[in-house]
Amino acid sequence: MLLNKSAVRTTILSRAKVLRPGHEFTQVAPTVYLQLDQKLRRYIDDLITRHPSTGKTIKQILC
């Protein structure tokens, strides 16, 4: 897993307080971590495959 579960949990719950102030979330399901990890891996793969083959540094590609 690429993600720090503790940091992700803290971020999700703090953002939930801001975005949904009328509802108190207290837990994050394990499937959320898996889904976020999969999306991050796909984003990284896409970044690498779309990157031009010049240079040695992977840089952000502006869409």
N, C-alpha and C. Protein backbone atom coordinates (compact mmCIF):
# COMPACT_ATOMS: atom_id res chain seq x y z
N MET A 1 0.85 -1.18 0.00
CA MET A 1 0.00 0.00 0.00
C MET A 1 0.90 1.24 0.00
N LEU A 2 0.56 2.17 -0.87
CA LEU A 2 1.34 3.40 -1.01
C LEU A 2 0.94 4.47 0.00
N LEU A 3 -0.25 4.35 0.54
CA LEU A 3 -0.78 5.41 1.39
C LEU A 3 -0.54 5.15 2.88
N ASN A 4 -0.37 6.21 3.62
CA ASN A 4 -0.28 6.15 5.07
C ASN A 4 -1.72 6.19 5.59
N LYS A 5 -2.19 5.05 6.09
CA LYS A 5 -3.59 4.94 6.50
C LYS A 5 -3.98 5.96 7.56
N SER A 6 -3.10 6.20 8.50
CA SER A 6 -3.40 7.15 9.57
C SER A 6 -3.59 8.56 9.02
N ALA A 7 -2.71 8.97 8.12
CA ALA A 7 -2.81 10.30 7.53
C ALA A 7 -4.05 10.42 6.65
N VAL A 8 -4.36 9.36 5.91
CA VAL A 8 -5.54 9.37 5.05
C VAL A 8 -6.80 9.45 5.91
N ARG A 9 -6.85 8.66 6.98
CA ARG A 9 -8.01 8.67 7.88
C ARG A 9 -8.22 10.05 8.47
N THR A 10 -7.15 10.66 8.97
CA THR A 10 -7.24 11.99 9.56
C THR A 10 -7.73 13.01 8.54
N THR A 11 -7.21 12.94 7.34
CA THR A 11 -7.61 13.87 6.29
C THR A 11 -9.07 13.68 5.91
N ILE A 12 -9.49 12.44 5.72
CA ILE A 12 -10.88 12.18 5.35
C ILE A 12 -11.84 12.69 6.41
N LEU A 13 -11.56 12.38 7.67
CA LEU A 13 -12.47 12.78 8.73
C LEU A 13 -12.48 14.30 8.95
N SER A 14 -11.33 14.95 8.79
CA SER A 14 -11.30 16.41 8.94
C SER A 14 -12.02 17.08 7.77
N ARG A 15 -11.86 16.56 6.55
CA ARG A 15 -12.57 17.11 5.39
C ARG A 15 -14.07 16.87 5.52
N ALA A 16 -14.45 15.74 6.10
CA ALA A 16 -15.87 15.44 6.30
C ALA A 16 -16.51 16.45 7.24
N LYS A 17 -15.78 16.89 8.26
CA LYS A 17 -16.30 17.90 9.18
C LYS A 17 -16.57 19.22 8.46
N VAL A 18 -15.69 19.56 7.53
CA VAL A 18 -15.84 20.81 6.78
C VAL A 18 -16.95 20.70 5.74
N LEU A 19 -16.95 19.60 5.00
CA LEU A 19 -17.89 19.46 3.88
C LEU A 19 -19.28 19.00 4.30
N ARG A 20 -19.37 18.27 5.41
CA ARG A 20 -20.65 17.77 5.90
C ARG A 20 -20.81 18.07 7.39
N PRO A 21 -20.92 19.36 7.75
CA PRO A 21 -20.93 19.74 9.17
C PRO A 21 -22.11 19.18 9.96
N GLY A 22 -23.20 18.83 9.31
CA GLY A 22 -24.36 18.31 10.02
C GLY A 22 -24.28 16.83 10.34
N HIS A 23 -23.25 16.17 9.87
CA HIS A 23 -23.12 14.72 10.08
C HIS A 23 -21.76 14.43 10.69
N GLU A 24 -21.76 13.59 11.71
CA GLU A 24 -20.48 13.28 12.37
C GLU A 24 -19.98 11.90 11.94
N PHE A 25 -18.98 11.90 11.06
CA PHE A 25 -18.34 10.65 10.66
C PHE A 25 -17.25 10.33 11.67
N THR A 26 -17.12 9.05 12.03
CA THR A 26 -16.10 8.67 13.00
C THR A 26 -15.20 7.54 12.51
N GLN A 27 -15.59 6.89 11.42
CA GLN A 27 -14.81 5.75 10.93
C GLN A 27 -14.63 5.83 9.41
N VAL A 28 -13.59 5.16 8.95
CA VAL A 28 -13.33 5.04 7.51
C VAL A 28 -13.24 3.54 7.21
N ALA A 29 -14.03 3.09 6.26
CA ALA A 29 -14.06 1.66 5.91
C ALA A 29 -12.75 1.25 5.24
N PRO A 30 -12.29 0.04 5.47
CA PRO A 30 -11.05 -0.45 4.85
C PRO A 30 -11.08 -0.40 3.32
N THR A 31 -12.25 -0.54 2.74
CA THR A 31 -12.36 -0.49 1.28
C THR A 31 -12.01 0.89 0.73
N VAL A 32 -12.18 1.92 1.52
CA VAL A 32 -11.84 3.28 1.07
C VAL A 32 -10.34 3.37 0.83
N TYR A 33 -9.54 2.80 1.73
CA TYR A 33 -8.09 2.83 1.56
C TYR A 33 -7.68 2.08 0.30
N LEU A 34 -8.31 0.93 0.06
CA LEU A 34 -7.99 0.14 -1.12
C LEU A 34 -8.35 0.90 -2.40
N GLN A 35 -9.53 1.53 -2.39
CA GLN A 35 -9.96 2.27 -3.56
C GLN A 35 -9.03 3.45 -3.85
N LEU A 36 -8.64 4.19 -2.81
CA LEU A 36 -7.73 5.32 -2.99
C LEU A 36 -6.36 4.85 -3.47
N ASP A 37 -5.89 3.74 -2.92
CA ASP A 37 -4.60 3.19 -3.34
C ASP A 37 -4.63 2.78 -4.81
N GLN A 38 -5.72 2.14 -5.24
CA GLN A 38 -5.85 1.74 -6.64
C GLN A 38 -5.88 2.95 -7.56
N LYS A 39 -6.61 3.99 -7.16
CA LYS A 39 -6.68 5.19 -7.99
C LYS A 39 -5.33 5.88 -8.08
N LEU A 40 -4.59 5.90 -6.98
CA LEU A 40 -3.26 6.50 -7.00
C LEU A 40 -2.32 5.72 -7.90
N ARG A 41 -2.37 4.39 -7.82
CA ARG A 41 -1.52 3.56 -8.69
C ARG A 41 -1.86 3.78 -10.17
N ARG A 42 -3.16 3.88 -10.49
CA ARG A 42 -3.57 4.14 -11.87
C ARG A 42 -3.09 5.52 -12.32
N TYR A 43 -3.16 6.50 -11.44
CA TYR A 43 -2.69 7.84 -11.78
C TYR A 43 -1.19 7.83 -12.05
N ILE A 44 -0.44 7.12 -11.23
CA ILE A 44 1.01 7.02 -11.42
C ILE A 44 1.32 6.31 -12.74
N ASP A 45 0.63 5.21 -13.01
CA ASP A 45 0.83 4.49 -14.27
C ASP A 45 0.54 5.39 -15.46
N ASP A 46 -0.54 6.14 -15.38
CA ASP A 46 -0.91 7.06 -16.47
C ASP A 46 0.14 8.14 -16.64
N LEU A 47 0.63 8.67 -15.55
CA LEU A 47 1.66 9.70 -15.59
C LEU A 47 2.91 9.17 -16.31
N ILE A 48 3.30 7.95 -15.99
CA ILE A 48 4.50 7.36 -16.58
C ILE A 48 4.29 7.05 -18.06
N THR A 49 3.14 6.48 -18.41
CA THR A 49 2.93 6.10 -19.81
C THR A 49 2.74 7.30 -20.72
N ARG A 50 2.21 8.40 -20.20
CA ARG A 50 1.99 9.59 -21.03
C ARG A 50 3.20 10.51 -21.06
N HIS A 51 4.18 10.23 -20.26
CA HIS A 51 5.35 11.09 -20.17
C HIS A 51 6.22 10.95 -21.42
N PRO A 52 6.72 12.06 -21.95
CA PRO A 52 7.60 11.95 -23.12
C PRO A 52 8.89 11.20 -22.76
N SER A 53 9.50 10.60 -23.75
CA SER A 53 10.69 9.78 -23.49
C SER A 53 11.98 10.60 -23.53
N THR A 54 11.91 11.86 -23.19
CA THR A 54 13.11 12.70 -23.11
C THR A 54 13.40 13.00 -21.65
N GLY A 55 14.66 13.05 -21.31
CA GLY A 55 15.06 13.37 -19.95
C GLY A 55 14.99 12.19 -19.01
N LYS A 56 15.43 12.43 -17.77
CA LYS A 56 15.46 11.38 -16.76
C LYS A 56 14.54 11.67 -15.59
N THR A 57 13.89 12.82 -15.60
CA THR A 57 13.04 13.23 -14.50
C THR A 57 11.58 13.13 -14.91
N ILE A 58 10.78 12.47 -14.08
CA ILE A 58 9.34 12.42 -14.33
C ILE A 58 8.75 13.70 -13.79
N LYS A 59 8.10 14.45 -14.66
CA LYS A 59 7.51 15.72 -14.29
C LYS A 59 6.01 15.66 -14.50
N GLN A 60 5.34 16.58 -13.85
CA GLN A 60 3.89 16.66 -14.02
C GLN A 60 3.57 17.11 -15.44
N ILE A 61 2.60 16.41 -16.04
CA ILE A 61 2.17 16.74 -17.39
C ILE A 61 0.89 17.54 -17.27
N LEU A 62 0.89 18.73 -17.81
CA LEU A 62 -0.30 19.56 -17.74
C LEU A 62 -1.31 19.09 -18.77
N CYS A 63 -2.53 18.91 -18.32
CA CYS A 63 -3.59 18.43 -19.23
C CYS A 63 -4.33 19.59 -19.83
